[in-house]
PDB file of N, CA and C in Angstrom:
ATOM      1  N   MET A   1     -73.655 -54.122 -49.818  1.00  0.00           N
ATOM      2  CA  MET A   1     -72.509 -54.804 -49.253  1.00  0.00           C
ATOM      3  C   MET A   1     -71.572 -53.745 -48.675  1.00  0.00           C
ATOM      4  N   LYS A   2     -71.093 -54.004 -47.521  1.00  0.00           N
ATOM      5  CA  LYS A   2     -70.225 -53.051 -46.841  1.00  0.00           C
ATOM      6  C   LYS A   2     -68.820 -53.093 -47.422  1.00  0.00           C
ATOM      7  N   ALA A   3     -68.119 -51.975 -47.267  1.00  0.00           N
ATOM      8  CA  ALA A   3     -66.766 -51.858 -47.832  1.00  0.00           C
ATOM      9  C   ALA A   3     -65.811 -52.885 -47.223  1.00  0.00           C
ATOM     10  N   GLY A   4     -65.941 -53.132 -45.937  1.00  0.00           N
ATOM     11  CA  GLY A   4     -65.061 -54.108 -45.285  1.00  0.00           C
ATOM     12  C   GLY A   4     -65.226 -55.500 -45.848  1.00  0.00           C
ATOM     13  N   LYS A   5     -66.464 -55.875 -46.142  1.00  0.00           N
ATOM     14  CA  LYS A   5     -66.727 -57.204 -46.702  1.00  0.00           C
ATOM     15  C   LYS A   5     -66.185 -57.298 -48.132  1.00  0.00           C
ATOM     16  N   ILE A   6     -66.303 -56.220 -48.893  1.00  0.00           N
ATOM     17  CA  ILE A   6     -65.779 -56.211 -50.258  1.00  0.00           C
ATOM     18  C   ILE A   6     -64.258 -56.352 -50.241  1.00  0.00           C
ATOM     19  N   ILE A   7     -63.599 -55.642 -49.339  1.00  0.00           N
ATOM     20  CA  ILE A   7     -62.145 -55.724 -49.237  1.00  0.00           C
ATOM     21  C   ILE A   7     -61.711 -57.125 -48.806  1.00  0.00           C
ATOM     22  N   THR A   8     -62.433 -57.713 -47.866  1.00  0.00           N
ATOM     23  CA  THR A   8     -62.116 -59.073 -47.429  1.00  0.00           C
ATOM     24  C   THR A   8     -62.265 -60.066 -48.574  1.00  0.00           C
ATOM     25  N   GLU A   9     -63.340 -59.949 -49.333  1.00  0.00           N
ATOM     26  CA  GLU A   9     -63.542 -60.851 -50.479  1.00  0.00           C
ATOM     27  C   GLU A   9     -62.482 -60.624 -51.543  1.00  0.00           C
ATOM     28  N   PHE A  10     -62.073 -59.357 -51.762  1.00  0.00           N
ATOM     29  CA  PHE A  10     -61.012 -59.072 -52.720  1.00  0.00           C
ATOM     30  C   PHE A  10     -59.735 -59.793 -52.323  1.00  0.00           C
ATOM     31  N   ILE A  11     -59.375 -59.706 -51.055  1.00  0.00           N
ATOM     32  CA  ILE A  11     -58.136 -60.320 -50.584  1.00  0.00           C
ATOM     33  C   ILE A  11     -58.191 -61.843 -50.723  1.00  0.00           C
ATOM     34  N   ILE A  12     -59.305 -62.433 -50.355  1.00  0.00           N
ATOM     35  CA  ILE A  12     -59.441 -63.893 -50.447  1.00  0.00           C
ATOM     36  C   ILE A  12     -59.366 -64.360 -51.893  1.00  0.00           C
ATOM     37  N   VAL A  13     -60.127 -63.703 -52.777  1.00  0.00           N
ATOM     38  CA  VAL A  13     -60.120 -64.097 -54.193  1.00  0.00           C
ATOM     39  C   VAL A  13     -58.752 -63.846 -54.811  1.00  0.00           C
ATOM     40  N   PHE A  14     -58.119 -62.724 -54.462  1.00  0.00           N
ATOM     41  CA  PHE A  14     -56.792 -62.416 -54.998  1.00  0.00           C
ATOM     42  C   PHE A  14     -55.789 -63.490 -54.622  1.00  0.00           C
ATOM     43  N   ILE A  15     -55.758 -63.866 -53.352  1.00  0.00           N
ATOM     44  CA  ILE A  15     -54.798 -64.874 -52.898  1.00  0.00           C
ATOM     45  C   ILE A  15     -55.047 -66.216 -53.587  1.00  0.00           C
ATOM     46  N   LEU A  16     -56.303 -66.633 -53.661  1.00  0.00           N
ATOM     47  CA  LEU A  16     -56.620 -67.906 -54.314  1.00  0.00           C
ATOM     48  C   LEU A  16     -56.233 -67.900 -55.788  1.00  0.00           C
ATOM     49  N   ALA A  17     -56.606 -66.851 -56.498  1.00  0.00           N
ATOM     50  CA  ALA A  17     -56.298 -66.770 -57.932  1.00  0.00           C
ATOM     51  C   ALA A  17     -54.795 -66.701 -58.159  1.00  0.00           C
ATOM     52  N   PHE A  18     -54.100 -65.947 -57.324  1.00  0.00           N
ATOM     53  CA  PHE A  18     -52.649 -65.816 -57.464  1.00  0.00           C
ATOM     54  C   PHE A  18     -51.950 -67.150 -57.245  1.00  0.00           C
ATOM     55  N   VAL A  19     -52.316 -67.844 -56.187  1.00  0.00           N
ATOM     56  CA  VAL A  19     -51.666 -69.120 -55.863  1.00  0.00           C
ATOM     57  C   VAL A  19     -51.969 -70.173 -56.930  1.00  0.00           C
ATOM     58  N   VAL A  20     -53.232 -70.269 -57.326  1.00  0.00           N
ATOM     59  CA  VAL A  20     -53.604 -71.283 -58.322  1.00  0.00           C
ATOM     60  C   VAL A  20     -52.919 -71.009 -59.658  1.00  0.00           C
ATOM     61  N   SER A  21     -52.910 -69.763 -60.106  1.00  0.00           N
ATOM     62  CA  SER A  21     -52.280 -69.468 -61.395  1.00  0.00           C
ATOM     63  C   SER A  21     -50.764 -69.644 -61.325  1.00  0.00           C
ATOM     64  N   ALA A  22     -50.154 -69.381 -60.175  1.00  0.00           N
ATOM     65  CA  ALA A  22     -48.716 -69.621 -60.033  1.00  0.00           C
ATOM     66  C   ALA A  22     -48.411 -71.117 -60.103  1.00  0.00           C
ATOM     67  N   ILE A  23     -49.233 -71.922 -59.454  1.00  0.00           N
ATOM     68  CA  ILE A  23     -49.030 -73.379 -59.493  1.00  0.00           C
ATOM     69  C   ILE A  23     -49.234 -73.916 -60.905  1.00  0.00           C
ATOM     70  N   VAL A  24     -50.271 -73.445 -61.579  1.00  0.00           N
ATOM     71  CA  VAL A  24     -50.516 -73.898 -62.956  1.00  0.00           C
ATOM     72  C   VAL A  24     -49.370 -73.488 -63.869  1.00  0.00           C
ATOM     73  N   SER A  25     -48.875 -72.273 -63.709  1.00  0.00           N
ATOM     74  CA  SER A  25     -47.743 -71.805 -64.506  1.00  0.00           C
ATOM     75  C   SER A  25     -46.496 -72.656 -64.250  1.00  0.00           C
ATOM     76  N   LEU A  26     -46.247 -72.964 -62.990  1.00  0.00           N
ATOM     77  CA  LEU A  26     -45.099 -73.804 -62.634  1.00  0.00           C
ATOM     78  C   LEU A  26     -45.227 -75.191 -63.254  1.00  0.00           C
ATOM     79  N   LEU A  27     -46.405 -75.802 -63.110  1.00  0.00           N
ATOM     80  CA  LEU A  27     -46.595 -77.146 -63.654  1.00  0.00           C
ATOM     81  C   LEU A  27     -46.509 -77.158 -65.176  1.00  0.00           C
ATOM     82  N   TRP A  28     -47.068 -76.131 -65.818  1.00  0.00           N
ATOM     83  CA  TRP A  28     -47.004 -76.064 -67.276  1.00  0.00           C
ATOM     84  C   TRP A  28     -45.550 -75.971 -67.747  1.00  0.00           C
ATOM     85  N   ASN A  29     -44.782 -75.094 -67.128  1.00  0.00           N
ATOM     86  CA  ASN A  29     -43.381 -74.964 -67.520  1.00  0.00           C
ATOM     87  C   ASN A  29     -42.582 -76.221 -67.194  1.00  0.00           C
ATOM     88  N   LEU A  30     -42.927 -76.902 -66.122  1.00  0.00           N
ATOM     89  CA  LEU A  30     -42.232 -78.128 -65.765  1.00  0.00           C
ATOM     90  C   LEU A  30     -42.525 -79.240 -66.770  1.00  0.00           C
ATOM     91  N   ILE A  31     -43.791 -79.370 -67.146  1.00  0.00           N
ATOM     92  CA  ILE A  31     -44.182 -80.425 -68.088  1.00  0.00           C
ATOM     93  C   ILE A  31     -43.729 -80.101 -69.510  1.00  0.00           C
ATOM     94  N   ALA A  32     -43.991 -78.886 -69.967  1.00  0.00           N
ATOM     95  CA  ALA A  32     -43.729 -78.540 -71.362  1.00  0.00           C
ATOM     96  C   ALA A  32     -42.265 -78.230 -71.645  1.00  0.00           C
ATOM     97  N   HIS A  33     -41.581 -77.579 -70.688  1.00  0.00           N
ATOM     98  CA  HIS A  33     -40.226 -77.110 -70.962  1.00  0.00           C
ATOM     99  C   HIS A  33     -39.162 -77.734 -70.072  1.00  0.00           C
ATOM    100  N   GLY A  34     -39.575 -78.422 -69.028  1.00  0.00           N
ATOM    101  CA  GLY A  34     -38.618 -79.061 -68.142  1.00  0.00           C
ATOM    102  C   GLY A  34     -37.924 -78.097 -67.191  1.00  0.00           C
ATOM    103  N   SER A  35     -38.458 -76.910 -67.028  1.00  0.00           N
ATOM    104  CA  SER A  35     -37.851 -75.949 -66.103  1.00  0.00           C
ATOM    105  C   SER A  35     -38.893 -75.498 -65.087  1.00  0.00           C
ATOM    106  N   THR A  36     -38.411 -75.121 -63.911  1.00  0.00           N
ATOM    107  CA  THR A  36     -39.327 -74.702 -62.843  1.00  0.00           C
ATOM    108  C   THR A  36     -39.378 -73.173 -62.767  1.00  0.00           C
ATOM    109  N   ILE A  37     -39.954 -72.581 -63.783  1.00  0.00           N
ATOM    110  CA  ILE A  37     -40.096 -71.123 -63.842  1.00  0.00           C
ATOM    111  C   ILE A  37     -41.572 -70.782 -63.668  1.00  0.00           C
ATOM    112  N   VAL A  38     -41.844 -69.808 -62.810  1.00  0.00           N
ATOM    113  CA  VAL A  38     -43.209 -69.347 -62.575  1.00  0.00           C
ATOM    114  C   VAL A  38     -43.356 -67.976 -63.219  1.00  0.00           C
ATOM    115  N   ASP A  39     -44.439 -67.769 -63.926  1.00  0.00           N
ATOM    116  CA  ASP A  39     -44.725 -66.464 -64.535  1.00  0.00           C
ATOM    117  C   ASP A  39     -45.465 -65.608 -63.503  1.00  0.00           C
ATOM    118  N   TRP A  40     -44.692 -64.886 -62.684  1.00  0.00           N
ATOM    119  CA  TRP A  40     -45.266 -64.107 -61.589  1.00  0.00           C
ATOM    120  C   TRP A  40     -46.126 -62.957 -62.104  1.00  0.00           C
ATOM    121  N   GLY A  41     -45.762 -62.379 -63.238  1.00  0.00           N
ATOM    122  CA  GLY A  41     -46.518 -61.257 -63.787  1.00  0.00           C
ATOM    123  C   GLY A  41     -47.936 -61.646 -64.159  1.00  0.00           C
ATOM    124  N   SER A  42     -48.073 -62.759 -64.840  1.00  0.00           N
ATOM    125  CA  SER A  42     -49.404 -63.237 -65.217  1.00  0.00           C
ATOM    126  C   SER A  42     -50.222 -63.629 -63.989  1.00  0.00           C
ATOM    127  N   SER A  43     -49.569 -64.243 -63.014  1.00  0.00           N
ATOM    128  CA  SER A  43     -50.268 -64.639 -61.791  1.00  0.00           C
ATOM    129  C   SER A  43     -50.775 -63.415 -61.042  1.00  0.00           C
ATOM    130  N   LEU A  44     -49.959 -62.377 -60.970  1.00  0.00           N
ATOM    131  CA  LEU A  44     -50.359 -61.149 -60.285  1.00  0.00           C
ATOM    132  C   LEU A  44     -51.515 -60.466 -61.005  1.00  0.00           C
ATOM    133  N   ARG A  45     -51.410 -60.376 -62.337  1.00  0.00           N
ATOM    134  CA  ARG A  45     -52.488 -59.741 -63.119  1.00  0.00           C
ATOM    135  C   ARG A  45     -53.800 -60.497 -62.978  1.00  0.00           C
ATOM    136  N   LEU A  46     -53.768 -61.809 -63.067  1.00  0.00           N
ATOM    137  CA  LEU A  46     -54.982 -62.602 -62.935  1.00  0.00           C
ATOM    138  C   LEU A  46     -55.580 -62.460 -61.543  1.00  0.00           C
ATOM    139  N   GLY A  47     -54.727 -62.445 -60.526  1.00  0.00           N
ATOM    140  CA  GLY A  47     -55.209 -62.259 -59.162  1.00  0.00           C
ATOM    141  C   GLY A  47     -55.898 -60.925 -58.964  1.00  0.00           C
ATOM    142  N   ILE A  48     -55.318 -59.863 -59.511  1.00  0.00           N
ATOM    143  CA  ILE A  48     -55.925 -58.533 -59.380  1.00  0.00           C
ATOM    144  C   ILE A  48     -57.242 -58.466 -60.133  1.00  0.00           C
ATOM    145  N   ILE A  49     -57.268 -58.971 -61.360  1.00  0.00           N
ATOM    146  CA  ILE A  49     -58.497 -58.922 -62.168  1.00  0.00           C
ATOM    147  C   ILE A  49     -59.623 -59.687 -61.487  1.00  0.00           C
ATOM    148  N   LEU A  50     -59.359 -60.918 -61.080  1.00  0.00           N
ATOM    149  CA  LEU A  50     -60.403 -61.708 -60.424  1.00  0.00           C
ATOM    150  C   LEU A  50     -60.755 -61.141 -59.053  1.00  0.00           C
ATOM    151  N   GLY A  51     -59.770 -60.553 -58.374  1.00  0.00           N
ATOM    152  CA  GLY A  51     -60.030 -59.933 -57.082  1.00  0.00           C
ATOM    153  C   GLY A  51     -60.957 -58.744 -57.175  1.00  0.00           C
ATOM    154  N   ILE A  52     -60.940 -58.050 -58.290  1.00  0.00           N
ATOM    155  CA  ILE A  52     -61.847 -56.914 -58.498  1.00  0.00           C
ATOM    156  C   ILE A  52     -63.206 -57.384 -59.009  1.00  0.00           C
ATOM    157  N   ILE A  53     -63.198 -58.268 -59.991  1.00  0.00           N
ATOM    158  CA  ILE A  53     -64.435 -58.676 -60.656  1.00  0.00           C
ATOM    159  C   ILE A  53     -65.335 -59.521 -59.752  1.00  0.00           C
ATOM    160  N   ALA A  54     -64.782 -60.507 -59.053  1.00  0.00           N
ATOM    161  CA  ALA A  54     -65.610 -61.430 -58.263  1.00  0.00           C
ATOM    162  C   ALA A  54     -66.412 -60.729 -57.156  1.00  0.00           C
ATOM    163  N   PRO A  55     -65.808 -59.883 -56.309  1.00  0.00           N
ATOM    164  CA  PRO A  55     -66.627 -59.198 -55.297  1.00  0.00           C
ATOM    165  C   PRO A  55     -67.666 -58.265 -55.906  1.00  0.00           C
ATOM    166  N   TRP A  56     -67.339 -57.669 -57.046  1.00  0.00           N
ATOM    167  CA  TRP A  56     -68.291 -56.774 -57.716  1.00  0.00           C
ATOM    168  C   TRP A  56     -69.513 -57.564 -58.180  1.00  0.00           C
ATOM    169  N   ILE A  57     -69.293 -58.733 -58.777  1.00  0.00           N
ATOM    170  CA  ILE A  57     -70.409 -59.568 -59.236  1.00  0.00           C
ATOM    171  C   ILE A  57     -71.218 -60.074 -58.052  1.00  0.00           C
ATOM    172  N   ILE A  58     -70.546 -60.468 -56.990  1.00  0.00           N
ATOM    173  CA  ILE A  58     -71.250 -60.943 -55.796  1.00  0.00           C
ATOM    174  C   ILE A  58     -72.100 -59.833 -55.194  1.00  0.00           C
ATOM    175  N   SER A  59     -71.560 -58.616 -55.130  1.00  0.00           N
ATOM    176  CA  SER A  59     -72.336 -57.506 -54.557  1.00  0.00           C
ATOM    177  C   SER A  59     -73.524 -57.156 -55.438  1.00  0.00           C
ATOM    178  N   ARG A  60     -73.397 -57.266 -56.747  1.00  0.00           N
ATOM    179  CA  ARG A  60     -74.529 -57.011 -57.643  1.00  0.00           C
ATOM    180  C   ARG A  60     -75.603 -58.076 -57.469  1.00  0.00           C
ATOM    181  N   GLY A  61     -75.189 -59.317 -57.246  1.00  0.00           N
ATOM    182  CA  GLY A  61     -76.151 -60.401 -57.038  1.00  0.00           C
ATOM    183  C   GLY A  61     -76.920 -60.232 -55.762  1.00  0.00           C
ATOM    184  N   SER A  62     -76.261 -59.753 -54.706  1.00  0.00           N
ATOM    185  CA  SER A  62     -76.969 -59.572 -53.435  1.00  0.00           C
ATOM    186  C   SER A  62     -77.934 -58.396 -53.514  1.00  0.00           C
ATOM    187  N   LYS A  63     -77.651 -57.400 -54.352  1.00  0.00           N
ATOM    188  CA  LYS A  63     -78.581 -56.276 -54.543  1.00  0.00           C
ATOM    189  C   LYS A  63     -79.844 -56.744 -55.267  1.00  0.00           C
ATOM    190  N   LYS A  64     -79.681 -57.638 -56.246  1.00  0.00           N
ATOM    191  CA  LYS A  64     -80.834 -58.142 -56.990  1.00  0.00           C
ATOM    192  C   LYS A  64     -81.722 -59.004 -56.084  1.00  0.00           C
ATOM    193  N   GLU A  65     -81.112 -59.758 -55.168  1.00  0.00           N
ATOM    194  CA  GLU A  65     -81.871 -60.603 -54.268  1.00  0.00           C
ATOM    195  C   GLU A  65     -82.684 -59.775 -53.290  1.00  0.00           C
ATOM    196  N   GLN A  66     -82.213 -58.582 -52.934  1.00  0.00           N
ATOM    197  CA  GLN A  66     -82.925 -57.731 -51.997  1.00  0.00           C
ATOM    198  C   GLN A  66     -84.156 -57.087 -52.626  1.00  0.00           C
ATOM    199  N   GLU A  67     -84.154 -56.925 -53.946  1.00  0.00           N
ATOM    200  CA  GLU A  67     -85.287 -56.280 -54.634  1.00  0.00           C
ATOM    201  C   GLU A  67     -86.471 -57.172 -54.764  1.00  0.00           C
TER     202      GLU A  67
END
């Protein structure tokens, strides 16, 4: 897998994970506590972790398919 494709997948997965976790955090705080607070730190960490792990797993899968 080329570096450009890995970076593109990182950005896409990061944005999706960040947005989804921010929305879930907002809804959880709204339902459970009645306040509209978003946990930006957790959303950022989850986005970075999934942004690194997902392209790595995808690139490993494409290497196995080539063998």
